[in-house]
PDB file of N, CA and C in Angstrom:
ATOM      1  N   UNK A   1       4.326 -12.551   8.736  1.00  0.00           N
ATOM      2  CA  UNK A   1       5.361 -11.596   8.421  1.00  0.00           C
ATOM      3  C   UNK A   1       6.009 -11.937   7.081  1.00  0.00           C
ATOM      4  N   UNK A   2       6.250 -13.243   6.880  1.00  0.00           N
ATOM      5  CA  UNK A   2       6.855 -13.655   5.618  1.00  0.00           C
ATOM      6  C   UNK A   2       5.930 -13.321   4.454  1.00  0.00           C
ATOM      7  N   UNK A   3       4.634 -13.441   4.687  1.00  0.00           N
ATOM      8  CA  UNK A   3       3.676 -13.141   3.622  1.00  0.00           C
ATOM      9  C   UNK A   3       3.716 -11.660   3.260  1.00  0.00           C
ATOM     10  N   UNK A   4       3.864 -10.779   4.264  1.00  0.00           N
ATOM     11  CA  UNK A   4       3.966  -9.342   4.004  1.00  0.00           C
ATOM     12  C   UNK A   4       5.215  -9.027   3.198  1.00  0.00           C
ATOM     13  N   UNK A   5       6.323  -9.660   3.561  1.00  0.00           N
ATOM     14  CA  UNK A   5       7.573  -9.435   2.831  1.00  0.00           C
ATOM     15  C   UNK A   5       7.433  -9.924   1.399  1.00  0.00           C
ATOM     16  N   UNK A   6       6.845 -11.104   1.233  1.00  0.00           N
ATOM     17  CA  UNK A   6       6.642 -11.645  -0.099  1.00  0.00           C
ATOM     18  C   UNK A   6       5.740 -10.737  -0.916  1.00  0.00           C
ATOM     19  N   UNK A   7       4.664 -10.231  -0.305  1.00  0.00           N
ATOM     20  CA  UNK A   7       3.756  -9.317  -0.995  1.00  0.00           C
ATOM     21  C   UNK A   7       4.485  -8.055  -1.431  1.00  0.00           C
ATOM     22  N   UNK A   8       5.335  -7.515  -0.567  1.00  0.00           N
ATOM     23  CA  UNK A   8       6.114  -6.323  -0.919  1.00  0.00           C
ATOM     24  C   UNK A   8       7.040  -6.599  -2.093  1.00  0.00           C
ATOM     25  N   UNK A   9       7.684  -7.758  -2.078  1.00  0.00           N
ATOM     26  CA  UNK A   9       8.594  -8.114  -3.167  1.00  0.00           C
ATOM     27  C   UNK A   9       7.818  -8.281  -4.466  1.00  0.00           C
ATOM     28  N   UNK A  10       6.678  -8.964  -4.394  1.00  0.00           N
ATOM     29  CA  UNK A  10       5.858  -9.152  -5.590  1.00  0.00           C
ATOM     30  C   UNK A  10       5.404  -7.810  -6.138  1.00  0.00           C
ATOM     31  N   UNK A  11       4.966  -6.908  -5.266  1.00  0.00           N
ATOM     32  CA  UNK A  11       4.534  -5.592  -5.726  1.00  0.00           C
ATOM     33  C   UNK A  11       5.686  -4.817  -6.343  1.00  0.00           C
ATOM     34  N   UNK A  12       6.869  -4.900  -5.750  1.00  0.00           N
ATOM     35  CA  UNK A  12       8.027  -4.201  -6.309  1.00  0.00           C
ATOM     36  C   UNK A  12       8.399  -4.764  -7.669  1.00  0.00           C
ATOM     37  N   UNK A  13       8.407  -6.083  -7.788  1.00  0.00           N
ATOM     38  CA  UNK A  13       8.724  -6.706  -9.069  1.00  0.00           C
ATOM     39  C   UNK A  13       7.664  -6.343 -10.093  1.00  0.00           C
ATOM     40  N   UNK A  14       6.407  -6.410  -9.685  1.00  0.00           N
ATOM     41  CA  UNK A  14       5.310  -6.060 -10.574  1.00  0.00           C
ATOM     42  C   UNK A  14       5.415  -4.598 -11.007  1.00  0.00           C
ATOM     43  N   UNK A  15       5.682  -3.708 -10.069  1.00  0.00           N
ATOM     44  CA  UNK A  15       5.810  -2.281 -10.389  1.00  0.00           C
ATOM     45  C   UNK A  15       6.980  -2.051 -11.336  1.00  0.00           C
ATOM     46  N   UNK A  16       8.081  -2.742 -11.112  1.00  0.00           N
ATOM     47  CA  UNK A  16       9.239  -2.582 -11.994  1.00  0.00           C
ATOM     48  C   UNK A  16       8.926  -3.089 -13.387  1.00  0.00           C
ATOM     49  N   UNK A  17       8.140  -4.151 -13.464  1.00  0.00           N
ATOM     50  CA  UNK A  17       7.818  -4.728 -14.761  1.00  0.00           C
ATOM     51  C   UNK A  17       6.879  -3.841 -15.569  1.00  0.00           C
ATOM     52  N   UNK A  18       6.042  -3.049 -14.909  1.00  0.00           N
ATOM     53  CA  UNK A  18       5.072  -2.245 -15.644  1.00  0.00           C
ATOM     54  C   UNK A  18       5.320  -0.747 -15.524  1.00  0.00           C
ATOM     55  N   UNK A  19       6.449  -0.338 -14.979  1.00  0.00           N
ATOM     56  CA  UNK A  19       6.659   1.085 -14.712  1.00  0.00           C
ATOM     57  C   UNK A  19       6.547   1.923 -15.980  1.00  0.00           C
ATOM     58  N   UNK A  20       7.081   1.479 -17.086  1.00  0.00           N
ATOM     59  CA  UNK A  20       6.982   2.248 -18.325  1.00  0.00           C
ATOM     60  C   UNK A  20       5.534   2.322 -18.771  1.00  0.00           C
ATOM     61  N   UNK A  21       4.825   1.226 -18.649  1.00  0.00           N
ATOM     62  CA  UNK A  21       3.426   1.188 -19.059  1.00  0.00           C
ATOM     63  C   UNK A  21       2.570   2.067 -18.152  1.00  0.00           C
ATOM     64  N   UNK A  22       2.820   2.020 -16.842  1.00  0.00           N
ATOM     65  CA  UNK A  22       2.043   2.836 -15.909  1.00  0.00           C
ATOM     66  C   UNK A  22       2.280   4.313 -16.176  1.00  0.00           C
ATOM     67  N   UNK A  23       3.535   4.680 -16.436  1.00  0.00           N
ATOM     68  CA  UNK A  23       3.852   6.084 -16.672  1.00  0.00           C
ATOM     69  C   UNK A  23       3.106   6.623 -17.880  1.00  0.00           C
ATOM     70  N   UNK A  24       2.863   5.775 -18.898  1.00  0.00           N
ATOM     71  CA  UNK A  24       2.169   6.205 -20.101  1.00  0.00           C
ATOM     72  C   UNK A  24       0.656   6.034 -19.981  1.00  0.00           C
ATOM     73  N   UNK A  25       0.192   5.359 -18.932  1.00  0.00           N
ATOM     74  CA  UNK A  25      -1.223   5.040 -18.822  1.00  0.00           C
ATOM     75  C   UNK A  25      -2.012   6.207 -18.246  1.00  0.00           C
ATOM     76  N   UNK A  26      -3.054   5.900 -17.488  1.00  0.00           N
ATOM     77  CA  UNK A  26      -3.926   6.934 -16.941  1.00  0.00           C
ATOM     78  C   UNK A  26      -3.282   7.700 -15.790  1.00  0.00           C
ATOM     79  N   UNK A  27      -2.037   7.402 -15.459  1.00  0.00           N
ATOM     80  CA  UNK A  27      -1.315   8.158 -14.443  1.00  0.00           C
ATOM     81  C   UNK A  27      -1.562   7.701 -13.030  1.00  0.00           C
ATOM     82  N   UNK A  28      -1.898   6.415 -12.814  1.00  0.00           N
ATOM     83  CA  UNK A  28      -2.133   5.971 -11.442  1.00  0.00           C
ATOM     84  C   UNK A  28      -0.850   6.004 -10.618  1.00  0.00           C
ATOM     85  N   UNK A  29       0.331   5.898 -11.253  1.00  0.00           N
ATOM     86  CA  UNK A  29       1.603   6.077 -10.547  1.00  0.00           C
ATOM     87  C   UNK A  29       2.512   6.906 -11.429  1.00  0.00           C
ATOM     88  N   UNK A  30       2.936   8.054 -10.897  1.00  0.00           N
ATOM     89  CA  UNK A  30       3.819   8.957 -11.634  1.00  0.00           C
ATOM     90  C   UNK A  30       4.877   9.478 -10.673  1.00  0.00           C
ATOM     91  N   UNK A  31       6.112   9.610 -11.153  1.00  0.00           N
ATOM     92  CA  UNK A  31       7.204  10.191 -10.377  1.00  0.00           C
ATOM     93  C   UNK A  31       7.477  11.587 -10.922  1.00  0.00           C
ATOM     94  N   UNK A  32       7.357  12.605 -10.052  1.00  0.00           N
ATOM     95  CA  UNK A  32       7.564  13.989 -10.471  1.00  0.00           C
ATOM     96  C   UNK A  32       8.334  14.723  -9.381  1.00  0.00           C
ATOM     97  N   UNK A  33       9.462  15.354  -9.756  1.00  0.00           N
ATOM     98  CA  UNK A  33      10.235  16.184  -8.823  1.00  0.00           C
ATOM     99  C   UNK A  33      10.449  15.512  -7.459  1.00  0.00           C
ATOM    100  N   UNK A  34      11.009  14.325  -7.456  1.00  0.00           N
ATOM    101  CA  UNK A  34      11.297  13.581  -6.221  1.00  0.00           C
ATOM    102  C   UNK A  34      10.063  13.303  -5.372  1.00  0.00           C
ATOM    103  N   UNK A  35       8.922  13.132  -6.014  1.00  0.00           N
ATOM    104  CA  UNK A  35       7.709  12.708  -5.310  1.00  0.00           C
ATOM    105  C   UNK A  35       7.049  11.591  -6.108  1.00  0.00           C
ATOM    106  N   UNK A  36       6.220  10.829  -5.434  1.00  0.00           N
ATOM    107  CA  UNK A  36       5.370   9.831  -6.079  1.00  0.00           C
ATOM    108  C   UNK A  36       3.953  10.386  -6.057  1.00  0.00           C
ATOM    109  N   UNK A  37       3.254  10.252  -7.137  1.00  0.00           N
ATOM    110  CA  UNK A  37       1.839  10.596  -7.168  1.00  0.00           C
ATOM    111  C   UNK A  37       1.111   9.311  -7.529  1.00  0.00           C
ATOM    112  N   UNK A  38       0.344   8.807  -6.577  1.00  0.00           N
ATOM    113  CA  UNK A  38      -0.338   7.525  -6.734  1.00  0.00           C
ATOM    114  C   UNK A  38      -1.810   7.725  -6.434  1.00  0.00           C
ATOM    115  N   UNK A  39      -2.648   7.481  -7.424  1.00  0.00           N
ATOM    116  CA  UNK A  39      -4.091   7.696  -7.310  1.00  0.00           C
ATOM    117  C   UNK A  39      -4.420   9.069  -6.734  1.00  0.00           C
ATOM    118  N   UNK A  40      -3.702  10.083  -7.196  1.00  0.00           N
ATOM    119  CA  UNK A  40      -3.971  11.453  -6.786  1.00  0.00           C
ATOM    120  C   UNK A  40      -3.351  11.866  -5.462  1.00  0.00           C
ATOM    121  N   UNK A  41      -2.665  10.946  -4.776  1.00  0.00           N
ATOM    122  CA  UNK A  41      -2.035  11.265  -3.489  1.00  0.00           C
ATOM    123  C   UNK A  41      -0.555  11.536  -3.748  1.00  0.00           C
ATOM    124  N   UNK A  42      -0.075  12.713  -3.356  1.00  0.00           N
ATOM    125  CA  UNK A  42       1.331  13.068  -3.544  1.00  0.00           C
ATOM    126  C   UNK A  42       2.118  12.728  -2.286  1.00  0.00           C
ATOM    127  N   UNK A  43       3.211  11.981  -2.468  1.00  0.00           N
ATOM    128  CA  UNK A  43       4.027  11.521  -1.351  1.00  0.00           C
ATOM    129  C   UNK A  43       5.475  11.915  -1.627  1.00  0.00           C
ATOM    130  N   UNK A  44       6.099  12.565  -0.667  1.00  0.00           N
ATOM    131  CA  UNK A  44       7.494  12.971  -0.811  1.00  0.00           C
ATOM    132  C   UNK A  44       8.402  11.740  -0.813  1.00  0.00           C
ATOM    133  N   UNK A  45       9.561  11.865  -1.463  1.00  0.00           N
ATOM    134  CA  UNK A  45      10.517  10.766  -1.516  1.00  0.00           C
ATOM    135  C   UNK A  45      10.944  10.347  -0.109  1.00  0.00           C
ATOM    136  N   UNK A  46      11.060   9.050   0.081  1.00  0.00           N
ATOM    137  CA  UNK A  46      11.506   8.456   1.333  1.00  0.00           C
ATOM    138  C   UNK A  46      10.571   8.754   2.513  1.00  0.00           C
ATOM    139  N   UNK A  47       9.283   8.907   2.226  1.00  0.00           N
ATOM    140  CA  UNK A  47       8.274   9.055   3.274  1.00  0.00           C
ATOM    141  C   UNK A  47       7.089   8.153   2.940  1.00  0.00           C
ATOM    142  N   UNK A  48       6.120   8.104   3.844  1.00  0.00           N
ATOM    143  CA  UNK A  48       4.962   7.249   3.636  1.00  0.00           C
ATOM    144  C   UNK A  48       3.685   7.941   4.084  1.00  0.00           C
ATOM    145  N   UNK A  49       2.556   7.392   3.625  1.00  0.00           N
ATOM    146  CA  UNK A  49       1.250   7.805   4.128  1.00  0.00           C
ATOM    147  C   UNK A  49       0.519   6.539   4.554  1.00  0.00           C
ATOM    148  N   UNK A  50      -0.288   6.657   5.604  1.00  0.00           N
ATOM    149  CA  UNK A  50      -1.047   5.524   6.136  1.00  0.00           C
ATOM    150  C   UNK A  50      -2.530   5.777   5.953  1.00  0.00           C
ATOM    151  N   UNK A  51      -3.278   4.707   5.749  1.00  0.00           N
ATOM    152  CA  UNK A  51      -4.721   4.801   5.550  1.00  0.00           C
ATOM    153  C   UNK A  51      -5.442   3.779   6.421  1.00  0.00           C
ATOM    154  N   UNK A  52      -6.701   4.074   6.700  1.00  0.00           N
ATOM    155  CA  UNK A  52      -7.564   3.103   7.366  1.00  0.00           C
ATOM    156  C   UNK A  52      -8.294   2.258   6.322  1.00  0.00           C
ATOM    157  N   UNK A  53      -8.858   2.909   5.326  1.00  0.00           N
ATOM    158  CA  UNK A  53      -9.600   2.197   4.291  1.00  0.00           C
ATOM    159  C   UNK A  53      -9.091   2.624   2.938  1.00  0.00           C
ATOM    160  N   UNK A  54      -8.323   1.840   2.239  1.00  0.00           N
ATOM    161  CA  UNK A  54      -7.913   0.495   2.618  1.00  0.00           C
ATOM    162  C   UNK A  54      -6.833   0.538   3.701  1.00  0.00           C
ATOM    163  N   UNK A  55      -6.718  -0.524   4.446  1.00  0.00           N
ATOM    164  CA  UNK A  55      -5.730  -0.603   5.523  1.00  0.00           C
ATOM    165  C   UNK A  55      -4.363  -0.840   4.888  1.00  0.00           C
ATOM    166  N   UNK A  56      -3.734   0.262   4.472  1.00  0.00           N
ATOM    167  CA  UNK A  56      -2.469   0.182   3.758  1.00  0.00           C
ATOM    168  C   UNK A  56      -1.540   1.319   4.151  1.00  0.00           C
ATOM    169  N   UNK A  57      -0.258   1.121   3.860  1.00  0.00           N
ATOM    170  CA  UNK A  57       0.747   2.165   3.972  1.00  0.00           C
ATOM    171  C   UNK A  57       1.450   2.217   2.622  1.00  0.00           C
ATOM    172  N   UNK A  58       1.590   3.422   2.053  1.00  0.00           N
ATOM    173  CA  UNK A  58       2.276   3.599   0.780  1.00  0.00           C
ATOM    174  C   UNK A  58       3.600   4.286   1.048  1.00  0.00           C
ATOM    175  N   UNK A  59       4.703   3.655   0.663  1.00  0.00           N
ATOM    176  CA  UNK A  59       6.048   4.184   0.868  1.00  0.00           C
ATOM    177  C   UNK A  59       6.613   4.603  -0.482  1.00  0.00           C
ATOM    178  N   UNK A  60       7.027   5.864  -0.580  1.00  0.00           N
ATOM    179  CA  UNK A  60       7.554   6.412  -1.822  1.00  0.00           C
ATOM    180  C   UNK A  60       9.072   6.360  -1.844  1.00  0.00           C
ATOM    181  N   UNK A  61       9.617   5.802  -2.910  1.00  0.00           N
ATOM    182  CA  UNK A  61      11.055   5.839  -3.173  1.00  0.00           C
ATOM    183  C   UNK A  61      11.232   6.307  -4.609  1.00  0.00           C
ATOM    184  N   UNK A  62      10.891   7.561  -4.850  1.00  0.00           N
ATOM    185  CA  UNK A  62      10.913   8.075  -6.219  1.00  0.00           C
ATOM    186  C   UNK A  62      12.319   8.090  -6.806  1.00  0.00           C
ATOM    187  N   UNK A  63      13.332   8.349  -5.996  1.00  0.00           N
ATOM    188  CA  UNK A  63      14.709   8.359  -6.506  1.00  0.00           C
ATOM    189  C   UNK A  63      15.147   6.967  -6.956  1.00  0.00           C
ATOM    190  N   UNK A  64      14.557   5.934  -6.352  1.00  0.00           N
ATOM    191  CA  UNK A  64      14.859   4.552  -6.758  1.00  0.00           C
ATOM    192  C   UNK A  64      13.847   4.048  -7.786  1.00  0.00           C
ATOM    193  N   UNK A  65      12.783   4.812  -7.999  1.00  0.00           N
ATOM    194  CA  UNK A  65      11.815   4.468  -9.038  1.00  0.00           C
ATOM    195  C   UNK A  65      10.743   3.484  -8.651  1.00  0.00           C
ATOM    196  N   UNK A  66      10.352   3.470  -7.376  1.00  0.00           N
ATOM    197  CA  UNK A  66       9.249   2.585  -7.007  1.00  0.00           C
ATOM    198  C   UNK A  66       8.438   3.134  -5.845  1.00  0.00           C
ATOM    199  N   UNK A  67       7.240   2.605  -5.714  1.00  0.00           N
ATOM    200  CA  UNK A  67       6.358   2.879  -4.588  1.00  0.00           C
ATOM    201  C   UNK A  67       5.956   1.522  -4.043  1.00  0.00           C
ATOM    202  N   UNK A  68       6.140   1.298  -2.745  1.00  0.00           N
ATOM    203  CA  UNK A  68       5.737   0.016  -2.170  1.00  0.00           C
ATOM    204  C   UNK A  68       4.459   0.195  -1.381  1.00  0.00           C
ATOM    205  N   UNK A  69       3.588  -0.787  -1.516  1.00  0.00           N
ATOM    206  CA  UNK A  69       2.301  -0.785  -0.826  1.00  0.00           C
ATOM    207  C   UNK A  69       2.329  -1.900   0.205  1.00  0.00           C
ATOM    208  N   UNK A  70       2.134  -1.537   1.479  1.00  0.00           N
ATOM    209  CA  UNK A  70       2.142  -2.506   2.570  1.00  0.00           C
ATOM    210  C   UNK A  70       0.718  -2.615   3.109  1.00  0.00           C
ATOM    211  N   UNK A  71       0.264  -3.832   3.284  1.00  0.00           N
ATOM    212  CA  UNK A  71      -1.071  -4.053   3.816  1.00  0.00           C
ATOM    213  C   UNK A  71      -1.036  -5.150   4.853  1.00  0.00           C
ATOM    214  N   UNK A  72      -2.202  -5.516   5.333  1.00  0.00           N
ATOM    215  CA  UNK A  72      -2.284  -6.615   6.287  1.00  0.00           C
ATOM    216  C   UNK A  72      -3.440  -7.512   5.883  1.00  0.00           C
ATOM    217  N   UNK A  73      -3.371  -8.725   6.347  1.00  0.00           N
ATOM    218  CA  UNK A  73      -4.417  -9.679   6.021  1.00  0.00           C
ATOM    219  C   UNK A  73      -5.640  -9.415   6.869  1.00  0.00           C
ATOM    220  N   UNK A  74      -6.761  -9.426   6.225  1.00  0.00           N
ATOM    221  CA  UNK A  74      -8.027  -9.357   6.939  1.00  0.00           C
ATOM    222  C   UNK A  74      -8.754 -10.668   6.706  1.00  0.00           C
ATOM    223  N   UNK A  75      -9.412 -11.190   7.712  1.00  0.00           N
ATOM    224  CA  UNK A  75     -10.108 -12.476   7.548  1.00  0.00           C
ATOM    225  C   UNK A  75     -11.169 -12.385   6.457  1.00  0.00           C
ATOM    226  N   UNK A  76     -11.276 -13.446   5.677  1.00  0.00           N
ATOM    227  CA  UNK A  76     -12.282 -13.481   4.624  1.00  0.00           C
ATOM    228  C   UNK A  76     -13.395 -14.479   4.934  1.00  0.00           C
ATOM    229  N   UNK A  77     -13.275 -15.208   6.034  1.00  0.00           N
ATOM    230  CA  UNK A  77     -14.312 -16.167   6.418  1.00  0.00           C
ATOM    231  C   UNK A  77     -15.598 -15.435   6.747  1.00  0.00           C
ATOM    232  N   UNK A  78     -16.707 -15.909   6.179  1.00  0.00           N
ATOM    233  CA  UNK A  78     -17.997 -15.274   6.455  1.00  0.00           C
ATOM    234  C   UNK A  78     -18.372 -15.363   7.926  1.00  0.00           C
ATOM    235  N   UNK A  79     -17.978 -16.439   8.583  1.00  0.00           N
ATOM    236  CA  UNK A  79     -18.336 -16.636   9.973  1.00  0.00           C
ATOM    237  C   UNK A  79     -17.420 -15.912  10.954  1.00  0.00           C
ATOM    238  N   UNK A  80     -16.421 -15.194  10.450  1.00  0.00           N
ATOM    239  CA  UNK A  80     -15.477 -14.526  11.352  1.00  0.00           C
ATOM    240  C   UNK A  80     -16.190 -13.370  12.033  1.00  0.00           C
ATOM    241  N   UNK A  81     -16.151 -13.354  13.327  1.00  0.00           N
ATOM    242  CA  UNK A  81     -16.978 -12.448  14.120  1.00  0.00           C
ATOM    243  C   UNK A  81     -16.126 -11.352  14.764  1.00  0.00           C
ATOM    244  N   UNK A  82     -15.604 -10.456  13.965  1.00  0.00           N
ATOM    245  CA  UNK A  82     -14.767  -9.377  14.490  1.00  0.00           C
ATOM    246  C   UNK A  82     -14.831  -8.185  13.552  1.00  0.00           C
ATOM    247  N   UNK A  83     -14.483  -7.056  14.069  1.00  0.00           N
ATOM    248  CA  UNK A  83     -14.409  -5.875  13.227  1.00  0.00           C
ATOM    249  C   UNK A  83     -13.066  -5.200  13.436  1.00  0.00           C
ATOM    250  N   UNK A  84     -12.547  -4.545  12.379  1.00  0.00           N
ATOM    251  CA  UNK A  84     -11.230  -3.932  12.507  1.00  0.00           C
ATOM    252  C   UNK A  84     -11.233  -2.782  13.501  1.00  0.00           C
ATOM    253  N   UNK A  85     -10.110  -2.598  14.164  1.00  0.00           N
ATOM    254  CA  UNK A  85      -9.925  -1.467  15.066  1.00  0.00           C
ATOM    255  C   UNK A  85      -9.813  -0.214  14.212  1.00  0.00           C
ATOM    256  N   UNK A  86     -10.430   0.875  14.630  1.00  0.00           N
ATOM    257  CA  UNK A  86     -10.347   2.125  13.871  1.00  0.00           C
ATOM    258  C   UNK A  86      -8.944   2.706  14.010  1.00  0.00           C
ATOM    259  N   UNK A  87      -8.418   3.189  12.930  1.00  0.00           N
ATOM    260  CA  UNK A  87      -7.091   3.802  12.936  1.00  0.00           C
ATOM    261  C   UNK A  87      -6.386   3.547  11.631  1.00  0.00           C
ATOM    262  N   UNK A  88      -5.285   4.232  11.436  1.00  0.00           N
ATOM    263  CA  UNK A  88      -4.509   4.082  10.215  1.00  0.00           C
ATOM    264  C   UNK A  88      -3.782   2.745  10.200  1.00  0.00           C
ATOM    265  N   UNK A  89      -3.023   2.528   9.125  1.00  0.00           N
ATOM    266  CA  UNK A  89      -2.304   1.277   8.929  1.00  0.00           C
ATOM    267  C   UNK A  89      -1.516   0.906  10.183  1.00  0.00           C
ATOM    268  N   UNK A  90      -1.559  -0.348  10.503  1.00  0.00           N
ATOM    269  CA  UNK A  90      -0.952  -0.868  11.723  1.00  0.00           C
ATOM    270  C   UNK A  90      -2.046  -1.149  12.725  1.00  0.00           C
ATOM    271  N   UNK A  91      -2.747  -0.089  13.149  1.00  0.00           N
ATOM    272  CA  UNK A  91      -3.866  -0.280  14.082  1.00  0.00           C
ATOM    273  C   UNK A  91      -5.018  -1.009  13.392  1.00  0.00           C
ATOM    274  N   UNK A  92      -5.292  -0.683  12.138  1.00  0.00           N
ATOM    275  CA  UNK A  92      -6.429  -1.296  11.452  1.00  0.00           C
ATOM    276  C   UNK A  92      -6.167  -2.756  11.085  1.00  0.00           C
ATOM    277  N   UNK A  93      -4.978  -3.257  11.348  1.00  0.00           N
ATOM    278  CA  UNK A  93      -4.681  -4.674  11.130  1.00  0.00           C
ATOM    279  C   UNK A  93      -5.178  -5.531  12.293  1.00  0.00           C
ATOM    280  N   UNK A  94      -5.544  -4.892  13.406  1.00  0.00           N
ATOM    281  CA  UNK A  94      -6.029  -5.619  14.589  1.00  0.00           C
ATOM    282  C   UNK A  94      -7.558  -5.650  14.584  1.00  0.00           C
ATOM    283  N   UNK A  95      -8.107  -6.597  15.317  1.00  0.00           N
ATOM    284  CA  UNK A  95      -9.554  -6.796  15.355  1.00  0.00           C
ATOM    285  C   UNK A  95     -10.094  -6.863  16.771  1.00  0.00           C
ATOM    286  N   UNK A  96     -11.367  -6.481  16.904  1.00  0.00           N
ATOM    287  CA  UNK A  96     -12.086  -6.635  18.158  1.00  0.00           C
ATOM    288  C   UNK A  96     -13.198  -7.645  17.912  1.00  0.00           C
ATOM    289  N   UNK A  97     -13.296  -8.616  18.803  1.00  0.00           N
ATOM    290  CA  UNK A  97     -14.379  -9.601  18.661  1.00  0.00           C
ATOM    291  C   UNK A  97     -15.695  -8.954  19.064  1.00  0.00           C
ATOM    292  N   UNK A  98     -16.724  -9.162  18.252  1.00  0.00           N
ATOM    293  CA  UNK A  98     -18.012  -8.517  18.502  1.00  0.00           C
ATOM    294  C   UNK A  98     -19.134  -9.511  18.784  1.00  0.00           C
ATOM    295  N   UNK A  99     -18.817 -10.795  18.902  1.00  0.00           N
ATOM    296  CA  UNK A  99     -19.888 -11.755  19.193  1.00  0.00           C
ATOM    297  C   UNK A  99     -19.522 -12.643  20.364  1.00  0.00           C
TER     298      UNK A  99
END
């Protein structure tokens, strides 16, 4: 849990540090009319969207000038014998053992 909070803080600090640069760049994050547009996905202010792949939740705070990305840790060990549960963020953070 602490790692998720730390990741959120790092992403917020990182986003704040590059917000001017991102706005002028290829448009991967843009704030327009109280919405966030991130990689072509439009999100209303103070709402979120959840995904399975990648297993993330994107929370838009356009009035405050940031978008937070929440994810979960997935095992990186080659010998780890499990597969993610199908579903959007939250459910896809869990695993089923397959061996």
